[in-house]
């Protein structure tokens, strides 16, 4: 993708545009605000794969009856500190926030909570929910699986897709007031599937070691996932380690909760189906929370004090790169490739949303 193929949109104007599109699918004002803010924040933090690129697909799924606006999670089982919710195939960003509200409240009361959410449309960037817990002073751990068409990630040693990109997230609240939380949020594949779509739309290669073609040969061409038949596959990060984590997500989030799993062909026609298992902990219940915060600050300071191998790239901790990217994009606008923008505009116009934000 060249600079000429990229537009930039001011964040507030883009947020207004997204909110209008989501609202036009039938969402309430609150739901439209939550979904659009979630997507916008993903782009602001540099996770374009989980941002506005997804909205045309959401619009399509609403039309097809695979995504239901304005639903709330239904409790399948609810004990004082453990709950399993059915998301009723609602907007994951809206339903997921409600499920996390319950988990945070339960952890505040009991010191810990285990929350499962199944049968929900795409929940978006998992780090959003970790940040929600961190703002409440809670530690959280998240395992997610997803089914969205044919599986895209090969098992270690395999050559075709058997799993999804199944993300893992861990968040730790800030050590001091005004500081930022530690937000570790990653796909178990070498890169997220959405990042392959971003690269494909932009006409650029993906990093080496991320993809194989249908013959199991290494490639940097994202078209093996979107153009070729038979398809290629993503690889797990860290060889057998990422594969092991992806399999754990498939079992804990999918199988344990009675959610969708990638091996079932009948699940692949339902749009985007996520299942999510979250553990939320109140650090104050483990002893002296002041001592924990002091040690947390010391550990982070010690790690960041390591001399940088590249003076232009100092040591960071999880979440810092996203905050740096957000500051740049708030100042200079959010970059969007021409294909993604065209798809978004087409989706908007199909819903009667014709007021477009200014671009440059």
Protein backbone atom coordinates (compact mmCIF):
# COMPACT_ATOMS: atom_id res chain seq x y z
CA UNK A 1 0.00 0.00 0.00
CA UNK A 2 1.38 3.38 -0.95
CA UNK A 3 0.70 6.65 0.83
CA UNK A 4 -1.63 7.54 -2.04
CA UNK A 5 -3.75 4.48 -1.24
CA UNK A 6 -4.33 5.64 2.34
CA UNK A 7 -6.75 8.22 3.65
CA UNK A 8 -6.79 9.74 7.13
CA UNK A 9 -9.93 10.45 9.13
CA UNK A 10 -10.20 12.51 12.30
CA UNK A 11 -11.17 10.30 15.23
CA UNK A 12 -14.29 12.12 16.41
CA UNK A 13 -15.72 12.40 12.91
CA UNK A 14 -15.04 8.74 12.25
CA UNK A 15 -16.69 7.80 15.54
CA UNK A 16 -19.81 9.76 14.59
CA UNK A 17 -19.90 7.97 11.22
CA UNK A 18 -19.56 4.54 12.82
CA UNK A 19 -22.27 5.32 15.37
CA UNK A 20 -24.65 6.33 12.58
CA UNK A 21 -24.00 3.07 10.73
CA UNK A 22 -24.52 0.87 13.80
CA UNK A 23 -27.64 2.83 14.71
CA UNK A 24 -28.99 2.28 11.21
CA UNK A 25 -28.80 -1.50 11.74
CA UNK A 26 -31.47 -1.09 14.41
CA UNK A 27 -29.32 -0.63 17.51
CA UNK A 28 -30.34 1.58 20.39
CA UNK A 29 -28.38 4.76 20.99
CA UNK A 30 -26.45 3.10 23.85
CA UNK A 31 -25.59 0.02 21.82
CA UNK A 32 -24.55 2.09 18.81
CA UNK A 33 -22.30 4.16 21.07
CA UNK A 34 -20.70 1.11 22.66
CA UNK A 35 -20.07 -0.76 19.42
CA UNK A 36 -18.75 2.26 17.53
CA UNK A 37 -16.53 3.38 20.43
CA UNK A 38 -15.07 -0.13 20.69
CA UNK A 39 -14.28 -0.31 16.98
CA UNK A 40 -12.82 3.20 16.95
CA UNK A 41 -10.61 2.49 19.96
CA UNK A 42 -9.21 -0.59 18.22
CA UNK A 43 -8.11 1.57 15.28
CA UNK A 44 -6.76 4.28 17.57
CA UNK A 45 -4.59 1.72 19.35
CA UNK A 46 -3.29 0.31 16.07
CA UNK A 47 -5.36 -2.87 16.05
CA UNK A 48 -6.92 -2.15 12.67
CA UNK A 49 -7.86 -5.82 12.31
CA UNK A 50 -10.44 -5.39 15.10
CA UNK A 51 -11.70 -1.96 14.14
CA UNK A 52 -13.76 -0.33 11.43
CA UNK A 53 -12.80 -2.97 8.87
CA UNK A 54 -15.29 -5.31 10.57
CA UNK A 55 -18.36 -3.10 10.41
CA UNK A 56 -19.44 -3.93 6.81
CA UNK A 57 -19.42 -7.58 7.82
CA UNK A 58 -21.53 -6.79 10.88
CA UNK A 59 -24.03 -5.00 8.63
CA UNK A 60 -24.20 -8.03 6.37
CA UNK A 61 -24.76 -10.35 9.34
CA UNK A 62 -27.61 -8.21 10.67
CA UNK A 63 -29.28 -8.45 7.26
CA UNK A 64 -28.79 -12.21 7.21
CA UNK A 65 -30.21 -12.65 10.71
CA UNK A 66 -26.87 -13.81 12.12
CA UNK A 67 -26.42 -10.76 14.37
CA UNK A 68 -29.24 -9.45 16.55
CA UNK A 69 -29.23 -5.83 17.74
CA UNK A 70 -30.45 -4.83 21.20
CA UNK A 71 -30.20 -8.16 22.99
CA UNK A 72 -28.85 -8.78 26.48
CA UNK A 73 -27.04 -11.83 27.87
CA UNK A 74 -29.20 -14.55 29.38
CA UNK A 75 -27.94 -16.38 32.47
CA UNK A 76 -27.64 -20.12 31.79
CA UNK A 77 -26.19 -20.60 35.27
CA UNK A 78 -25.48 -17.95 37.87
CA UNK A 79 -23.89 -18.63 41.24
CA UNK A 80 -22.45 -15.92 43.52
CA UNK A 81 -19.02 -15.98 41.86
CA UNK A 82 -19.53 -18.11 38.73
CA UNK A 83 -21.84 -17.47 35.82
CA UNK A 84 -22.41 -18.77 32.31
CA UNK A 85 -24.24 -16.44 29.94
CA UNK A 86 -25.74 -16.96 26.50
CA UNK A 87 -25.11 -13.96 24.28
CA UNK A 88 -28.12 -14.62 22.02
CA UNK A 89 -25.95 -13.68 19.02
CA UNK A 90 -26.05 -10.03 19.97
CA UNK A 91 -23.42 -7.40 19.28
CA UNK A 92 -20.47 -8.77 21.24
CA UNK A 93 -19.20 -5.36 22.27
CA UNK A 94 -22.52 -4.55 23.98
CA UNK A 95 -23.24 -8.00 25.41
CA UNK A 96 -19.62 -8.48 26.46
CA UNK A 97 -19.55 -5.24 28.44
CA UNK A 98 -22.62 -6.38 30.36
CA UNK A 99 -21.10 -9.78 31.11
CA UNK A 100 -17.92 -8.11 32.38
CA UNK A 101 -20.00 -5.78 34.55
CA UNK A 102 -21.34 -8.86 36.31
CA UNK A 103 -17.86 -10.39 36.69
CA UNK A 104 -16.38 -7.21 38.15
CA UNK A 105 -19.26 -6.87 40.60
CA UNK A 106 -18.95 -10.49 41.68
CA UNK A 107 -15.18 -10.18 42.13
CA UNK A 108 -15.61 -7.04 44.19
CA UNK A 109 -18.02 -8.90 46.48
CA UNK A 110 -16.33 -12.30 46.65
CA UNK A 111 -12.72 -11.60 45.70
CA UNK A 112 -12.93 -13.58 42.49
CA UNK A 113 -15.31 -14.37 39.64
CA UNK A 114 -15.45 -16.80 36.74
CA UNK A 115 -17.53 -15.68 33.78
CA UNK A 116 -18.39 -17.65 30.67
CA UNK A 117 -20.12 -16.16 27.63
CA UNK A 118 -21.13 -18.31 24.67
CA UNK A 119 -23.23 -17.91 21.52
CA UNK A 120 -22.31 -14.27 21.04
CA UNK A 121 -21.37 -12.40 17.87
CA UNK A 122 -17.84 -11.02 17.57
CA UNK A 123 -16.75 -9.49 20.89
CA UNK A 124 -14.03 -7.38 19.25
CA UNK A 125 -10.72 -6.50 20.86
CA UNK A 126 -10.46 -8.60 24.04
CA UNK A 127 -8.16 -6.05 25.66
CA UNK A 128 -11.17 -3.72 25.92
CA UNK A 129 -12.67 -5.96 28.60
CA UNK A 130 -9.35 -6.30 30.37
CA UNK A 131 -9.13 -2.52 30.46
CA UNK A 132 -12.67 -2.44 31.86
CA UNK A 133 -11.58 -4.74 34.70
CA UNK A 134 -8.36 -2.79 35.29
CA UNK A 135 -10.28 0.47 35.66
CA UNK A 136 -12.17 -1.25 38.48
CA UNK A 137 -8.87 -2.26 40.11
CA UNK A 138 -9.17 -5.91 39.07
CA UNK A 139 -6.77 -8.41 37.55
CA UNK A 140 -8.28 -10.40 34.69
CA UNK A 141 -7.39 -13.37 32.49
CA UNK A 142 -9.31 -14.16 29.30
CA UNK A 143 -9.48 -17.11 26.90
CA UNK A 144 -11.52 -16.72 23.70
CA UNK A 145 -12.27 -18.91 20.71
CA UNK A 146 -14.13 -18.08 17.56
CA UNK A 147 -15.80 -19.74 14.62
CA UNK A 148 -16.15 -17.71 11.44
CA UNK A 149 -16.28 -19.80 8.32
CA UNK A 150 -13.61 -22.44 7.72
CA UNK A 151 -10.89 -22.51 10.40
CA UNK A 152 -7.81 -20.54 9.45
CA UNK A 153 -4.95 -21.67 11.74
CA UNK A 154 -2.97 -24.86 11.17
CA UNK A 155 -1.95 -27.00 14.14
CA UNK A 156 1.79 -27.28 14.71
CA UNK A 157 3.11 -29.65 12.06
CA UNK A 158 -0.12 -29.40 10.01
CA UNK A 159 -0.85 -27.63 6.73
CA UNK A 160 -4.54 -26.70 6.78
CA UNK A 161 -6.77 -24.69 9.09
CA UNK A 162 -8.15 -26.53 12.12
CA UNK A 163 -8.36 -23.74 14.71
CA UNK A 164 -9.10 -20.03 14.86
CA UNK A 165 -6.79 -17.25 16.01
CA UNK A 166 -8.10 -17.78 19.58
CA UNK A 167 -6.82 -14.81 21.63
CA UNK A 168 -5.51 -14.72 25.18
CA UNK A 169 -5.56 -11.58 27.33
CA UNK A 170 -4.16 -10.75 30.78
CA UNK A 171 -4.55 -7.34 32.38
CA UNK A 172 -3.15 -5.93 35.61
CA UNK A 173 -4.36 -2.62 37.07
CA UNK A 174 -1.88 0.26 37.34
CA UNK A 175 0.58 0.37 40.21
CA UNK A 176 -0.06 4.03 41.01
CA UNK A 177 -2.92 6.49 40.45
CA UNK A 178 -2.65 8.03 37.02
CA UNK A 179 -0.48 5.22 35.69
CA UNK A 180 -1.62 2.85 32.95
CA UNK A 181 -2.57 -0.82 33.26
CA UNK A 182 -0.55 -3.66 31.83
CA UNK A 183 -2.61 -5.03 28.93
CA UNK A 184 -1.31 -8.22 27.34
CA UNK A 185 -3.65 -9.11 24.47
CA UNK A 186 -2.58 -11.35 21.62
CA UNK A 187 -3.82 -13.82 19.05
CA UNK A 188 -2.34 -17.29 19.34
CA UNK A 189 -1.63 -17.21 15.60
CA UNK A 190 1.54 -15.58 14.32
CA UNK A 191 -0.62 -12.60 13.34
CA UNK A 192 -4.35 -12.01 13.73
CA UNK A 193 -6.58 -13.10 10.86
CA UNK A 194 -7.84 -9.55 10.54
CA UNK A 195 -4.28 -8.33 10.02
CA UNK A 196 -4.07 -10.68 7.03
CA UNK A 197 -7.24 -9.07 5.70
CA UNK A 198 -5.77 -5.60 6.25
CA UNK A 199 -2.64 -6.65 4.35
CA UNK A 200 -4.68 -8.26 1.57
CA UNK A 201 -6.84 -5.15 1.18
CA UNK A 202 -3.73 -2.99 1.09
CA UNK A 203 -1.89 -5.23 -1.37
CA UNK A 204 1.09 -5.83 0.88
CA UNK A 205 2.76 -9.00 2.19
CA UNK A 206 2.54 -10.31 5.73
CA UNK A 207 5.67 -11.04 7.80
CA UNK A 208 7.59 -14.22 7.14
CA UNK A 209 6.65 -17.17 9.30
CA UNK A 210 2.96 -16.28 9.45
CA UNK A 211 1.42 -18.24 6.56
CA UNK A 212 1.64 -21.43 4.54
CA UNK A 213 -0.06 -22.15 1.23
CA UNK A 214 -2.30 -25.15 0.58
CA UNK A 215 0.79 -27.31 0.00
CA UNK A 216 2.23 -26.34 3.39
CA UNK A 217 4.92 -24.11 1.87
CA UNK A 218 5.84 -20.86 3.61
CA UNK A 219 4.50 -17.71 1.96
CA UNK A 220 4.03 -14.02 2.71
CA UNK A 221 1.04 -13.65 0.35
CA UNK A 222 -2.21 -13.11 2.32
CA UNK A 223 -4.13 -14.04 -0.82
CA UNK A 224 -3.69 -17.72 0.10
CA UNK A 225 -6.46 -17.13 2.66
CA UNK A 226 -8.79 -14.93 0.59
CA UNK A 227 -8.12 -15.76 -3.06
CA UNK A 228 -6.82 -19.32 -3.32
CA UNK A 229 -8.87 -22.50 -3.34
CA UNK A 230 -7.85 -24.67 -1.61
CA UNK A 231 -6.86 -22.13 1.03
CA UNK A 232 -3.61 -21.78 2.86
CA UNK A 233 -3.44 -21.33 6.62
CA UNK A 234 -2.03 -19.14 9.34
CA UNK A 235 0.63 -20.55 11.64
CA UNK A 236 0.65 -20.31 15.42
CA UNK A 237 3.18 -18.02 17.06
CA UNK A 238 6.08 -19.73 18.77
CA UNK A 239 5.57 -23.05 16.96
CA UNK A 240 4.13 -25.63 19.39
CA UNK A 241 3.68 -23.07 22.17
CA UNK A 242 1.14 -20.90 20.38
CA UNK A 243 -0.56 -24.01 19.04
CA UNK A 244 -0.89 -25.33 22.58
CA UNK A 245 -2.45 -22.09 23.79
CA UNK A 246 -4.85 -22.01 20.83
CA UNK A 247 -5.97 -25.54 21.65
CA UNK A 248 -6.49 -24.58 25.30
CA UNK A 249 -8.68 -21.65 24.21
CA UNK A 250 -10.70 -23.94 21.96
CA UNK A 251 -11.31 -26.30 24.88
CA UNK A 252 -11.82 -23.83 27.75
CA UNK A 253 -13.83 -21.19 25.88
CA UNK A 254 -15.55 -23.41 23.33
CA UNK A 255 -15.97 -26.96 24.59
CA UNK A 256 -16.23 -26.25 28.33
CA UNK A 257 -18.88 -23.55 27.90
CA UNK A 258 -20.90 -25.50 25.35
CA UNK A 259 -20.05 -22.93 22.71
CA UNK A 260 -19.08 -23.21 19.06
CA UNK A 261 -15.93 -25.13 18.17
CA UNK A 262 -14.07 -24.93 14.88
CA UNK A 263 -14.32 -28.60 13.95
CA UNK A 264 -18.13 -28.49 13.59
CA UNK A 265 -19.07 -27.61 9.97
CA UNK A 266 -22.59 -26.54 10.97
CA UNK A 267 -21.15 -23.77 13.15
CA UNK A 268 -19.30 -22.16 10.24
CA UNK A 269 -22.45 -20.77 8.62
CA UNK A 270 -23.57 -18.71 11.63
CA UNK A 271 -21.49 -15.60 10.97
CA UNK A 272 -18.96 -14.90 13.71
CA UNK A 273 -19.53 -16.89 16.89
CA UNK A 274 -17.35 -16.23 19.94
CA UNK A 275 -17.08 -18.03 23.26
CA UNK A 276 -15.17 -16.43 26.14
CA UNK A 277 -14.01 -17.58 29.56
CA UNK A 278 -12.80 -14.85 31.95
CA UNK A 279 -11.30 -14.95 35.43
CA UNK A 280 -11.46 -11.73 37.44
CA UNK A 281 -9.49 -11.31 40.69
CA UNK A 282 -9.46 -8.58 43.32
CA UNK A 283 -5.77 -8.12 44.28
CA UNK A 284 -6.78 -6.64 47.63
CA UNK A 285 -8.02 -10.09 48.70
CA UNK A 286 -4.52 -11.57 48.46
CA UNK A 287 -3.02 -9.44 51.23
CA UNK A 288 -1.40 -6.03 51.40
CA UNK A 289 -2.45 -4.39 48.15
CA UNK A 290 -0.03 -1.49 48.76
CA UNK A 291 2.88 -3.92 48.88
CA UNK A 292 1.65 -5.54 45.66
CA UNK A 293 1.48 -2.19 43.90
CA UNK A 294 4.96 -1.23 45.07
CA UNK A 295 6.39 -4.52 43.83
CA UNK A 296 4.48 -4.21 40.55
CA UNK A 297 5.96 -0.74 39.98
CA UNK A 298 9.44 -1.99 40.85
CA UNK A 299 9.24 -4.97 38.50
CA UNK A 300 8.07 -2.81 35.60
CA UNK A 301 10.73 -0.18 36.30
CA UNK A 302 13.45 -2.83 36.42
CA UNK A 303 12.38 -4.39 33.12
CA UNK A 304 12.21 -1.02 31.38
CA UNK A 305 15.67 -0.08 32.70
CA UNK A 306 17.29 -2.68 30.46
CA UNK A 307 19.56 -0.88 27.94
CA UNK A 308 17.78 -0.78 24.60
CA UNK A 309 19.36 -2.83 21.82
CA UNK A 310 18.11 -0.08 19.48
CA UNK A 311 18.27 3.41 21.04
CA UNK A 312 15.25 4.44 18.97
CA UNK A 313 13.16 1.61 20.41
CA UNK A 314 13.25 1.55 24.22
CA UNK A 315 11.92 -1.39 26.22
CA UNK A 316 8.15 -1.24 26.59
CA UNK A 317 5.62 -3.26 28.57
CA UNK A 318 2.32 -4.60 27.28
CA UNK A 319 -0.07 -1.79 26.43
CA UNK A 320 2.50 0.98 25.96
CA UNK A 321 2.86 0.59 22.20
CA UNK A 322 -0.91 0.93 21.84
CA UNK A 323 -0.95 4.12 23.90
CA UNK A 324 1.85 5.61 21.78
CA UNK A 325 -0.05 4.74 18.60
CA UNK A 326 -3.26 6.22 20.00
CA UNK A 327 -1.58 9.55 20.74
CA UNK A 328 -0.22 9.71 17.18
CA UNK A 329 -3.56 8.86 15.60
CA UNK A 330 -5.49 11.30 17.74
CA UNK A 331 -3.12 13.99 16.54
CA UNK A 332 -2.74 12.98 12.91
CA UNK A 333 -5.91 11.08 12.07
CA UNK A 334 -6.63 7.39 11.67
CA UNK A 335 -5.15 5.82 8.51
CA UNK A 336 -7.53 3.67 6.48
CA UNK A 337 -6.69 1.79 3.29
CA UNK A 338 -8.78 2.47 0.22
CA UNK A 339 -10.45 -0.96 0.13
CA UNK A 340 -11.55 -0.81 3.77
CA UNK A 341 -12.87 2.73 3.31
CA UNK A 342 -14.74 1.79 0.17
CA UNK A 343 -16.37 -1.16 1.91
CA UNK A 344 -17.38 1.02 4.85
CA UNK A 345 -18.88 3.73 2.64
CA UNK A 346 -20.80 1.12 0.63
CA UNK A 347 -22.22 -0.40 3.83
CA UNK A 348 -23.21 3.05 5.10
CA UNK A 349 -25.00 4.01 1.89
CA UNK A 350 -26.84 0.70 1.81
CA UNK A 351 -28.37 1.73 5.16
CA UNK A 352 -29.20 5.25 4.06
CA UNK A 353 -26.25 6.84 5.89
CA UNK A 354 -24.97 9.35 3.36
CA UNK A 355 -23.21 11.94 5.52
CA UNK A 356 -19.53 11.04 5.17
CA UNK A 357 -16.72 12.38 7.36
CA UNK A 358 -14.03 14.49 5.78
CA UNK A 359 -10.91 12.63 4.69
CA UNK A 360 -7.46 13.67 3.63
